[in-house]
C-alpha cells in the first residue's frame, strides 16, 4: 500500500515538472518576432481585402461603361428610335409643365378667364401676333374687305421703329418714337367708331417715318424700309440674313402707348397654324430658309420668335386694358362658325363672318416637293416637333394673360 502511494506521488511530481518545463522553456512561448509576423499577416489580409473590393468596383464600372457603349451603338444604328424616344419624352415633359402652369394659374386667381364681349365700349386696337407663315396675308385681305370699318393705326409702324431701335442699336430715336405713340393713341381713340389694325393692313409707315424724322432732325431712322406684316420674325434679314433672328416686333410698346388711354383696348390675336404647314410654307413654298442657311436655321429662328412672343405676352398688363385671344388659322381659313363669331367680337365688326367668307388671300407659290429621303423626312419631323412645342408655349402664355387680374 505504501509502495503504491509512493508511486502515485512520484507520478504527480513528474507531471508537475513537465508542465513547468513547457511553461518556462523560451522556445515554446510566442516571441516578439512571432507577434510582428502575425501583425504583418493581418495587414496583408486587410490590404488584399481592400484591393479585392476596388477590383470589384472597377469591374462594375467597366460593365456599366460597356452597357452604355452598347446602348450608344444601338442608338447610332437606329437613330429613328432614339429620336422618337427623345421626342416622346420631351413632349410628355412639356405637357406636364403646361398642365402644372394652368393648374397654378387657376389656383392663384380662383376666377374664370376674362371673356371679351362684343361692343364693350372700347375702341379695338388689334395686333395679329404670329410666326412667319401663320396667315398674316389673310388678315391683310380681311381688313381690306372691311373697307372704312377698319383703319391702319400709326401705333404699329412706330412700335416697329422702337423695336428696330433696339435690334439695330439706334436708341436715340426710341424716346421720340415713344412720345409719338402716346399722342397717336389718344388721337385715334378720340376718333371712335372704328377698329384700328396695328399690323398687316399697312398704309401709314411713310407717315410714321416722316413724323419721327421731324422729331429728331439729323438722326438716322432705326428702320428705313417698309413695316412688313409684323410677324415673328418680320422682314428678311437686313442688312444681312444673319440679322433676321433679331427682327422681332414688341407687343409691350403698344401696351405702353395705350396704357391709361380711356376707351382704348389692345386686342392681341395670337395666330397659330399647324407646325408642319408653317415649315412647309417657309422651307418649301416661299423658300425663306434659303437666305438663312437652310430649313433647320429657319425653324430655329421661328422657334426663337415664339419664345420672344411668349415672353412679351407674359409681360402684358391684365385685362381689360389688354386681352389676348388664340385663333387657329386653319379654322379661320376653313370658315369655322365659332371662330368666325370670335372674329366678329375681336374686330368689333358685326358682319365680320360674312366678310371673312369673301376673303381670298394671295396664293403661295407651289414650291418644292419637300424632303424625299427617309433621313430627310425624319429630320423634318424633328424640326416640326421643335416648332410645335415653341408655338404651344406662346398659346399657354396667352391663356395665362386672360387669367391675370389687376392689383
Protein backbone atom coordinates (compact mmCIF):
# COMPACT_ATOMS: atom_id res chain seq x y z
CA UNK A 1 0.00 0.00 0.00
CA UNK A 2 2.80 2.37 0.87
CA UNK A 3 4.55 1.44 -2.31
CA UNK A 4 1.50 2.45 -4.40
CA UNK A 5 1.23 5.76 -2.59
CA UNK A 6 4.87 6.49 -3.23
CA UNK A 7 4.49 5.72 -6.97
CA UNK A 8 1.40 7.97 -7.27
CA UNK A 9 3.17 10.87 -5.60
CA UNK A 10 6.17 10.40 -7.89
CA UNK A 11 3.97 10.43 -10.99
CA UNK A 12 2.30 13.63 -9.86
CA UNK A 13 5.69 15.28 -9.31
CA UNK A 14 6.82 14.23 -12.77
CA UNK A 15 3.69 15.74 -14.36
CA UNK A 16 4.18 18.97 -12.43
CA UNK A 17 7.83 19.22 -13.51
CA UNK A 18 6.85 18.58 -17.15
CA UNK A 19 4.26 21.35 -17.14
CA UNK A 20 6.71 23.74 -15.54
CA UNK A 21 9.26 22.89 -18.24
CA UNK A 22 6.85 23.61 -21.03
CA UNK A 23 5.78 26.89 -19.47
CA UNK A 24 9.25 28.09 -18.68
CA UNK A 25 11.07 26.92 -21.86
CA UNK A 26 11.60 30.03 -24.15
CA UNK A 27 11.13 28.17 -27.47
CA UNK A 28 7.64 27.10 -26.55
CA UNK A 29 6.28 30.68 -25.91
CA UNK A 30 5.29 33.24 -28.60
CA UNK A 31 8.23 35.61 -29.16
CA UNK A 32 8.20 39.30 -30.14
CA UNK A 33 9.31 38.24 -33.61
CA UNK A 34 6.32 35.96 -33.95
CA UNK A 35 4.00 38.76 -32.78
CA UNK A 36 5.37 41.04 -35.52
CA UNK A 37 4.88 38.33 -38.13
CA UNK A 38 1.28 37.84 -37.10
CA UNK A 39 0.68 41.62 -37.30
CA UNK A 40 2.14 41.76 -40.83
CA UNK A 41 -0.07 38.88 -41.92
CA UNK A 42 -3.11 40.68 -40.59
CA UNK A 43 -2.14 43.86 -42.52
CA UNK A 44 -1.59 41.84 -45.67
CA UNK A 45 -5.02 40.27 -45.27
CA UNK A 46 -6.61 43.74 -44.88
CA UNK A 47 -4.76 45.07 -47.93
CA UNK A 48 -5.87 42.10 -50.02
CA UNK A 49 -9.47 42.64 -48.92
CA UNK A 50 -9.34 46.34 -49.90
CA UNK A 51 -7.75 45.51 -53.25
CA UNK A 52 -10.42 42.90 -53.91
CA UNK A 53 -13.14 45.48 -53.16
CA UNK A 54 -11.56 48.01 -55.53
CA UNK A 55 -11.31 45.40 -58.25
CA UNK A 56 -14.99 44.53 -57.80
CA UNK A 57 -15.92 48.24 -58.15
CA UNK A 58 -13.71 48.58 -61.24
CA UNK A 59 -15.34 45.55 -62.82
CA UNK A 60 -18.79 47.04 -62.10
CA UNK A 61 -17.72 50.32 -63.69
CA UNK A 62 -16.39 48.51 -66.75
CA UNK A 63 -19.69 46.65 -67.02
CA UNK A 64 -21.72 49.89 -66.84
CA UNK A 65 -19.47 51.54 -69.44
CA UNK A 66 -19.84 48.57 -71.73
CA UNK A 67 -23.62 48.64 -71.43
CA UNK A 68 -23.67 52.37 -72.15
CA UNK A 69 -21.46 51.87 -75.20
CA UNK A 70 -23.76 49.12 -76.42
CA UNK A 71 -26.79 51.40 -75.98
CA UNK A 72 -24.99 54.18 -77.89
CA UNK A 73 -24.16 51.78 -80.71
CA UNK A 74 -27.80 50.69 -80.85
CA UNK A 75 -28.97 54.31 -80.94
CA UNK A 76 -26.44 55.11 -83.67
CA UNK A 77 -27.52 52.07 -85.65
CA UNK A 78 -31.18 53.06 -85.26
CA UNK A 79 -31.35 56.87 -84.89
CA UNK A 80 -35.07 56.96 -85.63
CA UNK A 81 -35.91 55.02 -82.47
CA UNK A 82 -33.60 57.20 -80.41
CA UNK A 83 -35.11 60.43 -81.75
CA UNK A 84 -38.63 59.20 -81.30
CA UNK A 85 -37.94 58.25 -77.69
CA UNK A 86 -36.36 61.64 -77.02
CA UNK A 87 -39.22 63.47 -78.75
CA UNK A 88 -41.85 61.50 -76.83
CA UNK A 89 -40.08 62.13 -73.53
CA UNK A 90 -39.76 65.86 -74.27
CA UNK A 91 -43.39 66.07 -75.37
CA UNK A 92 -44.63 64.37 -72.22
CA UNK A 93 -42.50 66.68 -70.09
CA UNK A 94 -43.84 69.73 -71.95
CA UNK A 95 -47.43 68.57 -71.49
CA UNK A 96 -46.84 68.09 -67.78
CA UNK A 97 -45.25 71.54 -67.44
CA UNK A 98 -48.15 73.19 -69.23
CA UNK A 99 -50.68 71.32 -67.10
CA UNK A 100 -48.86 72.44 -63.96
CA UNK A 101 -48.81 76.05 -65.14
CA UNK A 102 -52.54 76.03 -65.92
CA UNK A 103 -53.31 74.48 -62.54
CA UNK A 104 -51.12 77.04 -60.81
CA UNK A 105 -52.84 79.90 -62.63
CA UNK A 106 -56.30 78.66 -61.69
CA UNK A 107 -55.26 78.08 -58.11
CA UNK A 108 -53.74 81.56 -57.85
CA UNK A 109 -56.66 83.50 -59.30
CA UNK A 110 -59.67 81.32 -58.42
CA UNK A 111 -61.53 83.10 -61.20
CA UNK A 112 -62.65 82.37 -64.74
CA UNK A 113 -60.65 83.90 -67.59
CA UNK A 114 -61.65 87.30 -68.93
CA UNK A 115 -64.02 86.83 -71.88
CA UNK A 116 -64.11 89.59 -74.46
CA UNK A 117 -67.66 90.67 -75.27
CA UNK A 118 -68.90 92.37 -78.43
CA UNK A 119 -69.41 96.14 -78.28
CA UNK A 120 -67.97 96.50 -74.77
CA UNK A 121 -67.49 100.25 -75.10
CA UNK A 122 -63.80 100.10 -76.06
CA UNK A 123 -62.09 101.12 -79.29
CA UNK A 124 -60.32 97.97 -80.52
CA UNK A 125 -56.62 98.16 -81.41
CA UNK A 126 -55.90 94.78 -82.97
CA UNK A 127 -52.45 93.29 -83.36
CA UNK A 128 -52.12 89.93 -85.13
CA UNK A 129 -49.26 88.19 -83.31
CA UNK A 130 -47.97 85.10 -85.05
CA UNK A 131 -44.95 83.44 -86.53
CA UNK A 132 -43.92 83.93 -90.10
CA UNK A 133 -46.09 81.68 -92.24
CA UNK A 134 -49.17 81.63 -89.96
CA UNK A 135 -51.54 83.63 -92.19
CA UNK A 136 -50.83 87.37 -91.91
CA UNK A 137 -51.66 87.89 -95.58
CA UNK A 138 -55.14 86.50 -94.94
CA UNK A 139 -55.64 89.21 -92.31
CA UNK A 140 -54.44 91.89 -94.70
CA UNK A 141 -57.08 90.76 -97.22
CA UNK A 142 -59.71 90.67 -94.46
CA UNK A 143 -59.02 94.23 -93.28
CA UNK A 144 -59.11 95.45 -96.86
CA UNK A 145 -62.51 93.77 -97.37
CA UNK A 146 -63.82 95.61 -94.28
CA UNK A 147 -63.33 98.95 -96.03
CA UNK A 148 -63.80 102.05 -93.89
CA UNK A 149 -64.74 99.97 -90.83
CA UNK A 150 -61.06 99.21 -90.31
CA UNK A 151 -58.26 101.75 -90.31
CA UNK A 152 -54.49 101.39 -90.14
CA UNK A 153 -53.05 102.69 -86.88
CA UNK A 154 -49.99 104.87 -86.58
CA UNK A 155 -49.01 102.89 -83.47
CA UNK A 156 -47.98 99.84 -85.48
CA UNK A 157 -45.19 101.34 -87.63
CA UNK A 158 -43.97 103.48 -84.71
CA UNK A 159 -43.77 100.42 -82.47
CA UNK A 160 -41.72 98.73 -85.20
CA UNK A 161 -39.34 101.70 -85.21
CA UNK A 162 -38.93 101.29 -81.44
CA UNK A 163 -38.20 97.59 -81.86
CA UNK A 164 -35.66 98.38 -84.59
CA UNK A 165 -34.03 100.98 -82.34
CA UNK A 166 -33.10 98.09 -80.05
CA UNK A 167 -32.03 95.38 -82.51
CA UNK A 168 -30.25 97.90 -84.77
CA UNK A 169 -28.66 99.72 -81.81
CA UNK A 170 -30.09 103.16 -82.72
CA UNK A 171 -31.61 104.10 -79.39
CA UNK A 172 -31.51 107.85 -79.95
CA UNK A 173 -34.96 107.74 -81.58
CA UNK A 174 -36.59 105.42 -79.06
CA UNK A 175 -37.88 108.21 -76.81
CA UNK A 176 -39.21 110.37 -79.67
CA UNK A 177 -41.00 107.32 -81.11
CA UNK A 178 -42.50 106.58 -77.69
CA UNK A 179 -43.88 110.11 -77.36
CA UNK A 180 -45.36 109.98 -80.86
CA UNK A 181 -47.07 106.69 -80.00
CA UNK A 182 -48.66 108.17 -76.88
CA UNK A 183 -50.02 111.11 -78.88
CA UNK A 184 -51.28 108.85 -81.66
CA UNK A 185 -53.04 106.55 -79.16
CA UNK A 186 -55.04 109.44 -77.70
CA UNK A 187 -55.87 110.93 -81.10
CA UNK A 188 -57.04 107.64 -82.63
CA UNK A 189 -59.11 106.70 -79.57
CA UNK A 190 -60.91 110.03 -79.69
CA UNK A 191 -61.89 109.40 -83.32
CA UNK A 192 -64.06 106.44 -82.25
CA UNK A 193 -66.47 104.27 -84.19
CA UNK A 194 -63.90 102.01 -85.85
CA UNK A 195 -61.28 99.32 -85.33
CA UNK A 196 -57.58 100.07 -85.72
CA UNK A 197 -55.32 97.48 -87.32
CA UNK A 198 -51.86 97.70 -85.79
CA UNK A 199 -50.26 95.47 -88.41
CA UNK A 200 -50.93 93.58 -91.68
CA UNK A 201 -53.16 96.32 -93.18
CA UNK A 202 -50.35 98.85 -93.63
CA UNK A 203 -50.64 102.30 -95.14
CA UNK A 204 -49.13 104.62 -92.54
CA UNK A 205 -45.48 103.65 -92.50
CA UNK A 206 -44.36 106.65 -94.59
CA UNK A 207 -46.24 108.98 -92.25
CA UNK A 208 -44.62 107.39 -89.21
CA UNK A 209 -41.13 107.78 -90.68
CA UNK A 210 -41.81 111.41 -91.62
CA UNK A 211 -43.03 112.29 -88.11
CA UNK A 212 -40.10 110.51 -86.50
CA UNK A 213 -37.56 112.28 -88.69
CA UNK A 214 -39.13 115.64 -87.89
CA UNK A 215 -38.99 114.90 -84.14
CA UNK A 216 -35.24 114.28 -84.21
CA UNK A 217 -33.54 116.20 -87.05
CA UNK A 218 -30.21 114.80 -88.13
CA UNK A 219 -30.82 111.35 -86.64
CA UNK A 220 -30.92 108.25 -88.81
CA UNK A 221 -34.12 106.23 -88.58
CA UNK A 222 -33.81 102.85 -86.83
CA UNK A 223 -35.66 101.28 -89.78
CA UNK A 224 -35.72 102.78 -93.26
CA UNK A 225 -37.82 100.24 -95.18
CA UNK A 226 -41.41 99.06 -95.15
CA UNK A 227 -43.11 97.94 -91.94
CA UNK A 228 -43.79 94.41 -93.22
CA UNK A 229 -46.55 92.21 -91.81
CA UNK A 230 -45.43 92.41 -88.19
CA UNK A 231 -44.77 88.68 -87.99
CA UNK A 232 -42.18 86.95 -85.78
CA UNK A 233 -39.64 87.46 -87.31
CA UNK A 234 -40.53 90.43 -89.51
CA UNK A 235 -38.86 91.07 -92.87
CA UNK A 236 -35.84 89.45 -94.44
CA UNK A 237 -32.54 89.86 -92.69
CA UNK A 238 -31.40 93.48 -93.04
CA UNK A 239 -28.64 94.42 -93.72
CA UNK A 240 -27.60 90.73 -93.81
CA UNK A 241 -29.54 87.46 -93.47
CA UNK A 242 -27.90 86.95 -90.07
CA UNK A 243 -29.97 89.86 -88.73
CA UNK A 244 -33.27 88.08 -89.36
CA UNK A 245 -33.19 86.40 -85.95
CA UNK A 246 -33.13 89.86 -84.31
CA UNK A 247 -36.00 91.41 -86.25
CA UNK A 248 -38.93 90.79 -83.89
CA UNK A 249 -41.83 93.14 -83.07
CA UNK A 250 -42.58 94.06 -79.45
CA UNK A 251 -46.13 93.98 -78.07
CA UNK A 252 -45.16 95.79 -74.90
CA UNK A 253 -44.55 99.07 -76.77
CA UNK A 254 -48.17 99.09 -77.96
CA UNK A 255 -49.44 98.24 -74.49
CA UNK A 256 -47.37 101.09 -73.02
CA UNK A 257 -48.78 103.60 -75.53
CA UNK A 258 -52.38 102.60 -74.79
CA UNK A 259 -51.94 102.34 -71.03
CA UNK A 260 -54.27 104.76 -69.28
CA UNK A 261 -55.97 105.89 -72.51
CA UNK A 262 -59.66 105.95 -71.67
CA UNK A 263 -61.77 103.81 -74.01
CA UNK A 264 -58.86 102.01 -75.72
CA UNK A 265 -58.34 98.26 -75.63
CA UNK A 266 -55.35 96.40 -77.05
CA UNK A 267 -56.51 93.09 -78.52
CA UNK A 268 -53.82 90.56 -79.28
CA UNK A 269 -54.86 87.89 -81.75
CA UNK A 270 -52.42 85.04 -81.19
CA UNK A 271 -52.46 83.44 -84.62
CA UNK A 272 -51.18 79.87 -84.84
CA UNK A 273 -51.01 77.25 -87.54
CA UNK A 274 -50.09 73.58 -87.70
CA UNK A 275 -46.30 73.45 -87.33
CA UNK A 276 -45.94 71.12 -90.32
CA UNK A 277 -47.77 73.65 -92.52
CA UNK A 278 -45.58 76.52 -91.30
CA UNK A 279 -42.43 74.57 -92.09
CA UNK A 280 -43.85 73.60 -95.47
CA UNK A 281 -44.61 77.26 -96.20
CA UNK A 282 -41.27 78.78 -95.20
CA UNK A 283 -38.99 75.94 -96.30
CA UNK A 284 -40.61 74.53 -99.44
CA UNK A 285 -43.05 77.07 -100.91
CA UNK A 286 -41.79 80.56 -100.14
CA UNK A 287 -38.22 79.34 -99.60
CA UNK A 288 -37.38 81.79 -96.82
CA UNK A 289 -34.97 79.18 -95.47
CA UNK A 290 -32.55 79.62 -98.37
CA UNK A 291 -31.38 83.04 -97.22
CA UNK A 292 -30.53 81.92 -93.67
CA UNK A 293 -28.72 78.70 -94.49
CA UNK A 294 -31.42 76.06 -94.69
CA UNK A 295 -34.67 74.82 -93.21
CA UNK A 296 -33.17 73.95 -89.80
CA UNK A 297 -31.86 77.50 -89.36
CA UNK A 298 -35.21 78.99 -90.43
CA UNK A 299 -37.13 76.81 -87.96
CA UNK A 300 -34.72 77.75 -85.21
CA UNK A 301 -35.37 81.45 -85.92
CA UNK A 302 -39.13 80.82 -85.85
CA UNK A 303 -38.80 78.97 -82.53
CA UNK A 304 -36.81 81.88 -81.17
CA UNK A 305 -39.61 84.18 -82.34
CA UNK A 306 -42.18 82.06 -80.49
CA UNK A 307 -40.09 82.28 -77.34
CA UNK A 308 -39.82 86.07 -77.61
CA UNK A 309 -43.55 86.32 -78.23
CA UNK A 310 -44.25 84.20 -75.13
CA UNK A 311 -42.06 86.48 -73.02
CA UNK A 312 -43.85 89.58 -74.30
CA UNK A 313 -47.27 88.05 -73.59
CA UNK A 314 -46.19 87.30 -70.03
CA UNK A 315 -45.19 90.96 -69.61
CA UNK A 316 -48.54 92.40 -70.76
CA UNK A 317 -50.83 94.09 -68.23
CA UNK A 318 -54.03 92.27 -67.22
CA UNK A 319 -57.46 92.63 -68.83
CA UNK A 320 -59.46 94.62 -69.65
CA UNK A 321 -56.90 97.13 -70.97
CA UNK A 322 -55.21 94.30 -72.87
CA UNK A 323 -56.66 90.95 -73.87
CA UNK A 324 -55.02 88.04 -75.71
CA UNK A 325 -57.13 85.52 -77.61
CA UNK A 326 -55.90 82.49 -79.51
CA UNK A 327 -57.10 81.95 -83.10
CA UNK A 328 -56.15 78.93 -85.22
CA UNK A 329 -55.55 79.91 -88.82
CA UNK A 330 -56.77 76.56 -90.12
CA UNK A 331 -60.21 77.08 -88.58
CA UNK A 332 -60.31 80.69 -89.73
CA UNK A 333 -59.49 79.73 -93.28
CA UNK A 334 -62.00 76.87 -93.25
CA UNK A 335 -64.82 79.19 -92.14
CA UNK A 336 -65.40 77.52 -88.77
CA UNK A 337 -68.57 79.12 -87.33
CA UNK A 338 -67.32 79.54 -83.77
CA UNK A 339 -64.01 81.01 -84.96
CA UNK A 340 -65.79 83.48 -87.23
CA UNK A 341 -68.02 84.53 -84.35
CA UNK A 342 -64.92 85.29 -82.24
CA UNK A 343 -63.51 87.19 -85.23
CA UNK A 344 -66.57 89.43 -85.11
CA UNK A 345 -66.01 90.05 -81.39
CA UNK A 346 -62.29 90.69 -81.72
CA UNK A 347 -62.66 93.09 -84.65
CA UNK A 348 -65.80 94.80 -83.37
CA UNK A 349 -67.32 94.37 -86.85
CA UNK A 350 -70.78 92.82 -86.83
CA UNK A 351 -70.61 91.30 -90.31
CA UNK A 352 -67.03 90.07 -89.93
CA UNK A 353 -68.10 86.47 -90.60
CA UNK A 354 -69.69 87.41 -93.91
CA UNK A 355 -66.65 89.46 -94.88
CA UNK A 356 -64.26 86.65 -93.92
CA UNK A 357 -66.02 84.22 -96.26
CA UNK A 358 -65.20 86.53 -99.18
CA UNK A 359 -61.50 86.71 -98.30
CA UNK A 360 -59.15 85.22 -100.83
CA UNK A 361 -55.60 85.59 -99.61
CA UNK A 362 -52.89 85.65 -102.30
CA UNK A 363 -51.96 82.06 -103.15
CA UNK A 364 -48.49 80.97 -102.15
CA UNK A 365 -46.15 79.56 -104.82
CA UNK A 366 -46.26 75.78 -105.34
CA UNK A 367 -42.68 75.38 -104.16
CA UNK A 368 -40.65 72.21 -103.95
CA UNK A 369 -41.75 68.71 -103.11
CA UNK A 370 -40.26 68.75 -99.64
CA UNK A 371 -37.97 66.09 -98.15
CA UNK A 372 -37.61 62.94 -100.21
CA UNK A 373 -35.25 60.53 -98.43
CA UNK A 374 -36.16 58.74 -95.21
CA UNK A 375 -33.42 60.58 -93.36
CA UNK A 376 -34.65 63.95 -94.63
CA UNK A 377 -38.20 63.06 -93.61
CA UNK A 378 -37.05 62.12 -90.11
CA UNK A 379 -35.16 65.40 -89.84
CA UNK A 380 -38.24 67.32 -90.99
CA UNK A 381 -40.37 65.60 -88.32
CA UNK A 382 -37.89 66.64 -85.67
CA UNK A 383 -37.96 70.27 -86.84
CA UNK A 384 -41.76 70.25 -86.83
CA UNK A 385 -41.74 68.96 -83.25
CA UNK A 386 -39.38 71.71 -82.11
CA UNK A 387 -41.57 74.40 -83.68
CA UNK A 388 -44.80 72.91 -82.34
CA UNK A 389 -43.51 72.98 -78.76
CA UNK A 390 -42.35 76.58 -79.10
CA UNK A 391 -45.70 77.67 -80.54
CA UNK A 392 -47.66 75.86 -77.80
CA UNK A 393 -45.70 77.76 -75.16
CA UNK A 394 -46.98 81.03 -76.66
CA UNK A 395 -50.57 79.67 -76.58
CA UNK A 396 -50.18 78.93 -72.87
CA UNK A 397 -48.80 82.42 -72.22
CA UNK A 398 -51.83 83.90 -73.99
CA UNK A 399 -54.20 81.83 -71.84
CA UNK A 400 -52.45 82.95 -68.66
CA UNK A 401 -52.82 86.61 -69.68
CA UNK A 402 -56.60 86.19 -69.77
CA UNK A 403 -56.49 84.82 -66.20
CA UNK A 404 -54.44 87.71 -64.86
CA UNK A 405 -56.07 90.24 -62.60
CA UNK A 406 -55.02 93.79 -61.79
CA UNK A 407 -53.96 94.86 -58.34
